[in-house]
Amino acid sequence: MMTSDPRARFPRSARVRLRAEYTAVFEQGRRSGDSLLGLHWVPGPQPARLGLAVSRKVDPRAVGRNRIKRILREATRRMRPQLAGGDYVVVARPAAGRAARAQILEAYLKLLRRAGALPPPAAGGTMPAALSPNTPRPPTPPSTPDS
């Protein structure tokens, strides 16, 4: 889906583009991976930049490779304000060519959290969060006898 708002695009400044930049991320980066994707990340002070590596082994058709890249670019564009700074390179694995969009997104989020590039998800639900033993408890109001 194309958007007409130019501010919503994935800017060129948010991309890892040069061969030397990819090499630096592969050599110096933290690595994590699963069956769909591999993530290489070099933390840095600059805003997050994304590089993608999707080979013909993943999908021999350009349409399939571009679909994976589009999914990852859009997810990164939306998460970029929360992402830790640095250069990220995502390497798609052959299973990603057969995976659904939701599976690719889930794998990407899981890798970013595991690497420490994204904060953990906020606790949801209706139950209050459990208190740790070191957390001071709120004072309880004094009980009054019934008259």
N, C-alpha and C. Protein backbone atom coordinates (compact mmCIF):
# COMPACT_ATOMS: atom_id res chain seq x y z
N MET A 1 0.84 -1.17 0.00
CA MET A 1 0.00 0.00 0.00
C MET A 1 0.89 1.23 0.00
N MET A 2 0.74 2.07 -1.00
CA MET A 2 1.52 3.30 -1.11
C MET A 2 0.83 4.40 -0.33
N THR A 3 1.62 5.22 0.27
CA THR A 3 1.07 6.35 1.00
C THR A 3 1.53 7.63 0.31
N SER A 4 0.67 8.60 0.22
CA SER A 4 1.01 9.83 -0.48
C SER A 4 1.75 10.82 0.42
N ASP A 5 1.77 10.58 1.70
CA ASP A 5 2.45 11.47 2.63
C ASP A 5 3.96 11.23 2.56
N PRO A 6 4.75 12.19 2.06
CA PRO A 6 6.19 11.95 1.92
C PRO A 6 6.89 11.74 3.26
N ARG A 7 6.33 12.24 4.35
CA ARG A 7 6.95 12.04 5.66
C ARG A 7 6.82 10.60 6.13
N ALA A 8 5.90 9.85 5.55
CA ALA A 8 5.67 8.48 5.98
C ALA A 8 6.58 7.49 5.26
N ARG A 9 7.37 7.94 4.30
CA ARG A 9 8.25 7.04 3.55
C ARG A 9 9.46 6.67 4.38
N PHE A 10 10.14 5.64 3.93
CA PHE A 10 11.37 5.18 4.59
C PHE A 10 12.51 5.97 3.96
N PRO A 11 13.05 6.98 4.66
CA PRO A 11 14.03 7.88 4.04
C PRO A 11 15.35 7.19 3.72
N ARG A 12 16.05 7.72 2.76
CA ARG A 12 17.34 7.19 2.35
C ARG A 12 18.34 7.24 3.51
N SER A 13 18.21 8.25 4.36
CA SER A 13 19.11 8.39 5.51
C SER A 13 18.89 7.29 6.55
N ALA A 14 17.80 6.52 6.42
CA ALA A 14 17.49 5.45 7.38
C ALA A 14 17.91 4.09 6.83
N ARG A 15 18.76 4.09 5.80
CA ARG A 15 19.17 2.83 5.18
C ARG A 15 20.67 2.63 5.28
N VAL A 16 21.06 1.38 5.49
CA VAL A 16 22.46 0.99 5.36
C VAL A 16 22.62 0.73 3.87
N ARG A 17 23.53 1.44 3.19
CA ARG A 17 23.56 1.37 1.74
C ARG A 17 24.88 0.88 1.16
N LEU A 18 25.99 1.23 1.77
CA LEU A 18 27.29 0.92 1.17
C LEU A 18 27.79 -0.45 1.59
N ARG A 19 28.57 -1.06 0.70
CA ARG A 19 29.15 -2.36 0.99
C ARG A 19 30.00 -2.31 2.25
N ALA A 20 30.74 -1.24 2.45
CA ALA A 20 31.58 -1.10 3.65
C ALA A 20 30.73 -1.05 4.92
N GLU A 21 29.55 -0.43 4.84
CA GLU A 21 28.66 -0.37 6.01
C GLU A 21 28.11 -1.76 6.34
N TYR A 22 27.72 -2.51 5.30
CA TYR A 22 27.24 -3.88 5.52
C TYR A 22 28.36 -4.72 6.13
N THR A 23 29.56 -4.60 5.59
CA THR A 23 30.70 -5.38 6.10
C THR A 23 30.96 -5.06 7.56
N ALA A 24 30.92 -3.78 7.91
CA ALA A 24 31.15 -3.38 9.30
C ALA A 24 30.10 -3.98 10.23
N VAL A 25 28.85 -3.99 9.81
CA VAL A 25 27.78 -4.56 10.65
C VAL A 25 27.98 -6.07 10.80
N PHE A 26 28.32 -6.75 9.71
CA PHE A 26 28.52 -8.20 9.78
C PHE A 26 29.72 -8.56 10.65
N GLU A 27 30.77 -7.76 10.61
CA GLU A 27 31.98 -8.08 11.36
C GLU A 27 31.89 -7.68 12.84
N GLN A 28 31.26 -6.53 13.13
CA GLN A 28 31.27 -6.00 14.49
C GLN A 28 29.95 -6.17 15.22
N GLY A 29 28.89 -6.54 14.52
CA GLY A 29 27.56 -6.52 15.10
C GLY A 29 27.24 -7.66 16.04
N ARG A 30 26.27 -7.40 16.90
CA ARG A 30 25.69 -8.45 17.74
C ARG A 30 24.80 -9.27 16.82
N ARG A 31 24.78 -10.58 17.04
CA ARG A 31 23.99 -11.46 16.18
C ARG A 31 22.93 -12.20 16.96
N SER A 32 21.77 -12.33 16.36
CA SER A 32 20.75 -13.22 16.88
C SER A 32 19.92 -13.68 15.69
N GLY A 33 19.25 -14.79 15.85
CA GLY A 33 18.49 -15.29 14.72
C GLY A 33 17.49 -16.34 15.12
N ASP A 34 16.62 -16.66 14.19
CA ASP A 34 15.68 -17.77 14.34
C ASP A 34 15.52 -18.42 12.97
N SER A 35 14.49 -19.22 12.80
CA SER A 35 14.35 -19.97 11.55
C SER A 35 14.01 -19.10 10.35
N LEU A 36 13.45 -17.90 10.57
CA LEU A 36 13.05 -17.03 9.47
C LEU A 36 14.06 -15.93 9.15
N LEU A 37 14.65 -15.33 10.19
CA LEU A 37 15.49 -14.16 10.00
C LEU A 37 16.75 -14.22 10.86
N GLY A 38 17.77 -13.53 10.39
CA GLY A 38 18.96 -13.29 11.19
C GLY A 38 19.09 -11.79 11.37
N LEU A 39 19.52 -11.35 12.53
CA LEU A 39 19.67 -9.92 12.81
C LEU A 39 21.09 -9.64 13.24
N HIS A 40 21.70 -8.64 12.61
CA HIS A 40 23.03 -8.15 12.98
C HIS A 40 22.84 -6.69 13.35
N TRP A 41 23.36 -6.28 14.52
CA TRP A 41 23.15 -4.91 15.00
C TRP A 41 24.42 -4.36 15.61
N VAL A 42 24.80 -3.17 15.15
CA VAL A 42 25.90 -2.43 15.74
C VAL A 42 25.29 -1.20 16.40
N PRO A 43 25.22 -1.17 17.75
CA PRO A 43 24.65 0.00 18.42
C PRO A 43 25.49 1.24 18.15
N GLY A 44 24.82 2.37 18.09
CA GLY A 44 25.52 3.63 17.86
C GLY A 44 24.66 4.81 18.24
N PRO A 45 25.24 6.01 18.23
CA PRO A 45 24.50 7.20 18.65
C PRO A 45 23.52 7.72 17.59
N GLN A 46 23.74 7.37 16.32
CA GLN A 46 22.87 7.88 15.25
C GLN A 46 21.53 7.15 15.26
N PRO A 47 20.50 7.74 14.66
CA PRO A 47 19.20 7.06 14.58
C PRO A 47 19.33 5.72 13.86
N ALA A 48 18.39 4.84 14.11
CA ALA A 48 18.42 3.49 13.54
C ALA A 48 18.43 3.54 12.02
N ARG A 49 19.30 2.70 11.43
CA ARG A 49 19.35 2.53 9.97
C ARG A 49 19.21 1.05 9.67
N LEU A 50 18.51 0.73 8.59
CA LEU A 50 18.20 -0.66 8.26
C LEU A 50 18.84 -1.05 6.94
N GLY A 51 19.44 -2.25 6.93
CA GLY A 51 19.92 -2.87 5.70
C GLY A 51 19.26 -4.23 5.59
N LEU A 52 18.97 -4.65 4.37
CA LEU A 52 18.28 -5.92 4.16
C LEU A 52 19.09 -6.80 3.21
N ALA A 53 19.13 -8.09 3.51
CA ALA A 53 19.79 -9.06 2.64
C ALA A 53 18.80 -10.20 2.41
N VAL A 54 18.25 -10.24 1.20
CA VAL A 54 17.28 -11.28 0.85
C VAL A 54 17.76 -11.89 -0.47
N SER A 55 18.34 -13.07 -0.39
CA SER A 55 18.94 -13.68 -1.58
C SER A 55 17.95 -14.51 -2.37
N ARG A 56 18.41 -15.00 -3.52
CA ARG A 56 17.56 -15.85 -4.36
C ARG A 56 17.30 -17.20 -3.72
N LYS A 57 18.09 -17.57 -2.73
CA LYS A 57 17.83 -18.82 -2.01
C LYS A 57 16.53 -18.70 -1.22
N VAL A 58 16.19 -17.49 -0.80
CA VAL A 58 14.95 -17.26 -0.04
C VAL A 58 13.75 -17.42 -0.96
N ASP A 59 13.80 -16.79 -2.12
CA ASP A 59 12.74 -16.90 -3.12
C ASP A 59 13.37 -16.58 -4.47
N PRO A 60 13.26 -17.48 -5.44
CA PRO A 60 13.88 -17.21 -6.74
C PRO A 60 13.21 -16.06 -7.50
N ARG A 61 11.99 -15.71 -7.11
CA ARG A 61 11.27 -14.63 -7.79
C ARG A 61 11.49 -13.30 -7.08
N ALA A 62 11.73 -12.26 -7.84
CA ALA A 62 11.95 -10.93 -7.28
C ALA A 62 10.72 -10.46 -6.51
N VAL A 63 9.54 -10.86 -6.96
CA VAL A 63 8.29 -10.45 -6.29
C VAL A 63 8.30 -10.93 -4.83
N GLY A 64 8.70 -12.17 -4.61
CA GLY A 64 8.74 -12.73 -3.26
C GLY A 64 9.80 -12.06 -2.39
N ARG A 65 10.98 -11.81 -2.97
CA ARG A 65 12.05 -11.14 -2.21
C ARG A 65 11.64 -9.72 -1.84
N ASN A 66 11.03 -9.02 -2.78
CA ASN A 66 10.61 -7.64 -2.52
C ASN A 66 9.50 -7.58 -1.48
N ARG A 67 8.64 -8.59 -1.44
CA ARG A 67 7.57 -8.64 -0.43
C ARG A 67 8.16 -8.68 0.97
N ILE A 68 9.17 -9.52 1.16
CA ILE A 68 9.83 -9.63 2.47
C ILE A 68 10.47 -8.30 2.84
N LYS A 69 11.15 -7.67 1.89
CA LYS A 69 11.81 -6.38 2.16
C LYS A 69 10.77 -5.31 2.51
N ARG A 70 9.67 -5.31 1.79
CA ARG A 70 8.61 -4.32 2.06
C ARG A 70 8.05 -4.47 3.46
N ILE A 71 7.82 -5.72 3.88
CA ILE A 71 7.29 -5.99 5.22
C ILE A 71 8.26 -5.48 6.29
N LEU A 72 9.54 -5.77 6.12
CA LEU A 72 10.55 -5.37 7.12
C LEU A 72 10.78 -3.87 7.13
N ARG A 73 10.78 -3.23 5.95
CA ARG A 73 10.96 -1.77 5.91
C ARG A 73 9.79 -1.06 6.59
N GLU A 74 8.57 -1.52 6.31
CA GLU A 74 7.39 -0.88 6.92
C GLU A 74 7.41 -1.04 8.43
N ALA A 75 7.75 -2.24 8.91
CA ALA A 75 7.81 -2.47 10.36
C ALA A 75 8.86 -1.57 10.99
N THR A 76 10.01 -1.44 10.35
CA THR A 76 11.08 -0.60 10.89
C THR A 76 10.67 0.87 10.87
N ARG A 77 10.01 1.29 9.81
CA ARG A 77 9.56 2.70 9.72
C ARG A 77 8.63 3.03 10.88
N ARG A 78 7.73 2.11 11.20
CA ARG A 78 6.79 2.36 12.30
C ARG A 78 7.46 2.32 13.67
N MET A 79 8.46 1.45 13.83
CA MET A 79 9.11 1.28 15.14
C MET A 79 10.32 2.18 15.33
N ARG A 80 10.74 2.87 14.30
CA ARG A 80 12.00 3.62 14.35
C ARG A 80 12.13 4.56 15.55
N PRO A 81 11.07 5.26 15.97
CA PRO A 81 11.21 6.13 17.14
C PRO A 81 11.55 5.35 18.43
N GLN A 82 11.12 4.10 18.54
CA GLN A 82 11.40 3.31 19.74
C GLN A 82 12.71 2.52 19.65
N LEU A 83 13.22 2.33 18.42
CA LEU A 83 14.43 1.53 18.24
C LEU A 83 15.67 2.23 18.80
N ALA A 84 16.55 1.44 19.38
CA ALA A 84 17.84 1.97 19.82
C ALA A 84 18.63 2.35 18.58
N GLY A 85 19.50 3.34 18.71
CA GLY A 85 20.29 3.81 17.59
C GLY A 85 21.29 2.78 17.12
N GLY A 86 21.71 2.93 15.88
CA GLY A 86 22.72 2.04 15.33
C GLY A 86 22.30 1.51 13.97
N ASP A 87 23.13 0.60 13.46
CA ASP A 87 22.89 0.00 12.16
C ASP A 87 22.39 -1.43 12.33
N TYR A 88 21.32 -1.76 11.63
CA TYR A 88 20.70 -3.09 11.67
C TYR A 88 20.77 -3.69 10.27
N VAL A 89 21.14 -4.95 10.18
CA VAL A 89 21.04 -5.67 8.92
C VAL A 89 20.25 -6.94 9.21
N VAL A 90 19.17 -7.12 8.47
CA VAL A 90 18.33 -8.29 8.60
C VAL A 90 18.60 -9.19 7.41
N VAL A 91 18.92 -10.45 7.70
CA VAL A 91 19.17 -11.44 6.66
C VAL A 91 18.01 -12.42 6.68
N ALA A 92 17.30 -12.48 5.55
CA ALA A 92 16.16 -13.41 5.45
C ALA A 92 16.69 -14.81 5.17
N ARG A 93 16.07 -15.78 5.79
CA ARG A 93 16.43 -17.19 5.58
C ARG A 93 15.39 -17.83 4.68
N PRO A 94 15.71 -18.97 4.05
CA PRO A 94 14.77 -19.57 3.09
C PRO A 94 13.35 -19.78 3.60
N ALA A 95 13.17 -20.07 4.88
CA ALA A 95 11.82 -20.27 5.42
C ALA A 95 10.98 -18.99 5.34
N ALA A 96 11.62 -17.82 5.29
CA ALA A 96 10.88 -16.56 5.21
C ALA A 96 10.13 -16.43 3.90
N GLY A 97 10.63 -17.07 2.85
CA GLY A 97 9.95 -17.02 1.56
C GLY A 97 8.58 -17.67 1.59
N ARG A 98 8.38 -18.62 2.48
CA ARG A 98 7.09 -19.33 2.58
C ARG A 98 6.25 -18.82 3.75
N ALA A 99 6.80 -17.91 4.54
CA ALA A 99 6.11 -17.45 5.75
C ALA A 99 5.09 -16.35 5.44
N ALA A 100 4.08 -16.29 6.26
CA ALA A 100 3.06 -15.24 6.16
C ALA A 100 3.62 -13.94 6.74
N ARG A 101 3.00 -12.85 6.38
CA ARG A 101 3.41 -11.52 6.87
C ARG A 101 3.48 -11.48 8.40
N ALA A 102 2.46 -12.01 9.05
CA ALA A 102 2.40 -11.98 10.51
C ALA A 102 3.57 -12.75 11.13
N GLN A 103 3.94 -13.87 10.51
CA GLN A 103 5.06 -14.66 11.02
C GLN A 103 6.38 -13.90 10.89
N ILE A 104 6.56 -13.21 9.78
CA ILE A 104 7.78 -12.44 9.56
C ILE A 104 7.86 -11.30 10.58
N LEU A 105 6.76 -10.59 10.77
CA LEU A 105 6.73 -9.49 11.74
C LEU A 105 7.00 -9.98 13.16
N GLU A 106 6.39 -11.10 13.53
CA GLU A 106 6.58 -11.65 14.87
C GLU A 106 8.05 -12.03 15.09
N ALA A 107 8.65 -12.67 14.09
CA ALA A 107 10.06 -13.06 14.20
C ALA A 107 10.96 -11.83 14.32
N TYR A 108 10.66 -10.79 13.55
CA TYR A 108 11.46 -9.56 13.57
C TYR A 108 11.37 -8.88 14.94
N LEU A 109 10.17 -8.75 15.48
CA LEU A 109 10.00 -8.13 16.80
C LEU A 109 10.71 -8.93 17.88
N LYS A 110 10.60 -10.24 17.81
CA LYS A 110 11.24 -11.11 18.80
C LYS A 110 12.76 -10.93 18.76
N LEU A 111 13.33 -10.85 17.56
CA LEU A 111 14.79 -10.67 17.43
C LEU A 111 15.23 -9.30 17.96
N LEU A 112 14.45 -8.26 17.67
CA LEU A 112 14.80 -6.92 18.16
C LEU A 112 14.76 -6.87 19.68
N ARG A 113 13.77 -7.51 20.28
CA ARG A 113 13.67 -7.52 21.74
C ARG A 113 14.80 -8.34 22.35
N ARG A 114 15.09 -9.49 21.75
CA ARG A 114 16.16 -10.35 22.26
C ARG A 114 17.51 -9.63 22.19
N ALA A 115 17.71 -8.83 21.16
CA ALA A 115 18.97 -8.10 21.01
C ALA A 115 19.05 -6.90 21.97
N GLY A 116 17.91 -6.48 22.52
CA GLY A 116 17.89 -5.32 23.41
C GLY A 116 17.68 -4.01 22.66
N ALA A 117 17.28 -4.09 21.40
CA ALA A 117 17.08 -2.89 20.59
C ALA A 117 15.70 -2.29 20.77
N LEU A 118 14.77 -3.07 21.28
CA LEU A 118 13.41 -2.60 21.53
C LEU A 118 13.07 -2.86 22.98
N PRO A 119 12.34 -1.97 23.63
CA PRO A 119 11.93 -2.25 25.00
C PRO A 119 10.95 -3.41 25.02
N PRO A 120 10.89 -4.15 26.13
CA PRO A 120 9.93 -5.25 26.21
C PRO A 120 8.51 -4.72 26.12
N PRO A 121 7.56 -5.55 25.68
CA PRO A 121 6.19 -5.07 25.56
C PRO A 121 5.62 -4.69 26.92
N ALA A 122 4.75 -3.71 26.90
CA ALA A 122 4.11 -3.27 28.14
C ALA A 122 3.21 -4.38 28.65
N ALA A 123 3.17 -4.51 29.95
CA ALA A 123 2.30 -5.53 30.54
C ALA A 123 0.86 -5.13 30.31
N GLY A 124 0.10 -6.02 29.76
CA GLY A 124 -1.30 -5.73 29.50
C GLY A 124 -2.16 -6.52 30.46
N GLY A 125 -3.42 -6.40 30.31
CA GLY A 125 -4.33 -7.17 31.14
C GLY A 125 -4.97 -6.31 32.20
N THR A 126 -5.78 -6.96 33.03
CA THR A 126 -6.51 -6.23 34.04
C THR A 126 -5.97 -6.45 35.45
N MET A 127 -5.08 -7.41 35.61
CA MET A 127 -4.51 -7.68 36.93
C MET A 127 -3.36 -6.72 37.20
N PRO A 128 -3.20 -6.26 38.44
CA PRO A 128 -2.06 -5.39 38.73
C PRO A 128 -0.77 -6.17 38.64
N ALA A 129 0.31 -5.47 38.33
CA ALA A 129 1.61 -6.10 38.21
C ALA A 129 2.04 -6.65 39.57
N ALA A 130 2.74 -7.76 39.54
CA ALA A 130 3.23 -8.37 40.79
C ALA A 130 4.32 -7.50 41.38
N LEU A 131 4.32 -7.37 42.69
CA LEU A 131 5.34 -6.58 43.36
C LEU A 131 6.54 -7.46 43.67
N SER A 132 7.72 -6.91 43.46
CA SER A 132 8.91 -7.67 43.83
C SER A 132 9.09 -7.57 45.34
N PRO A 133 9.88 -8.46 45.96
CA PRO A 133 10.06 -8.41 47.41
C PRO A 133 10.66 -7.10 47.91
N ASN A 134 11.42 -6.40 47.05
CA ASN A 134 12.07 -5.15 47.47
C ASN A 134 11.20 -3.92 47.27
N THR A 135 10.06 -4.07 46.62
CA THR A 135 9.18 -2.94 46.36
C THR A 135 8.41 -2.59 47.63
N PRO A 136 8.46 -1.31 48.04
CA PRO A 136 7.68 -0.94 49.23
C PRO A 136 6.19 -1.04 48.93
N ARG A 137 5.46 -1.55 49.86
CA ARG A 137 4.02 -1.69 49.69
C ARG A 137 3.33 -0.42 50.17
N PRO A 138 2.21 -0.07 49.55
CA PRO A 138 1.48 1.12 50.01
C PRO A 138 0.92 0.87 51.40
N PRO A 139 0.83 1.91 52.21
CA PRO A 139 0.29 1.72 53.57
C PRO A 139 -1.18 1.32 53.50
N THR A 140 -1.56 0.46 54.42
CA THR A 140 -2.96 0.05 54.49
C THR A 140 -3.70 0.96 55.45
N PRO A 141 -4.92 1.33 55.13
CA PRO A 141 -5.66 2.22 56.03
C PRO A 141 -5.99 1.47 57.32
N PRO A 142 -6.03 2.20 58.44
CA PRO A 142 -6.36 1.53 59.71
C PRO A 142 -7.79 1.01 59.65
N SER A 143 -7.98 -0.15 60.26
CA SER A 143 -9.33 -0.72 60.27
C SER A 143 -10.14 -0.09 61.40
N THR A 144 -11.40 0.12 61.13
CA THR A 144 -12.27 0.70 62.16
C THR A 144 -13.30 -0.33 62.56
N PRO A 145 -13.55 -0.44 63.87
CA PRO A 145 -14.56 -1.42 64.29
C PRO A 145 -15.95 -0.92 63.91
N ASP A 146 -16.79 -1.86 63.58
CA ASP A 146 -18.17 -1.53 63.21
C ASP A 146 -18.93 -1.12 64.49
N SER A 147 -19.77 -0.09 64.42
CA SER A 147 -20.53 0.34 65.57
C SER A 147 -21.95 -0.05 65.48
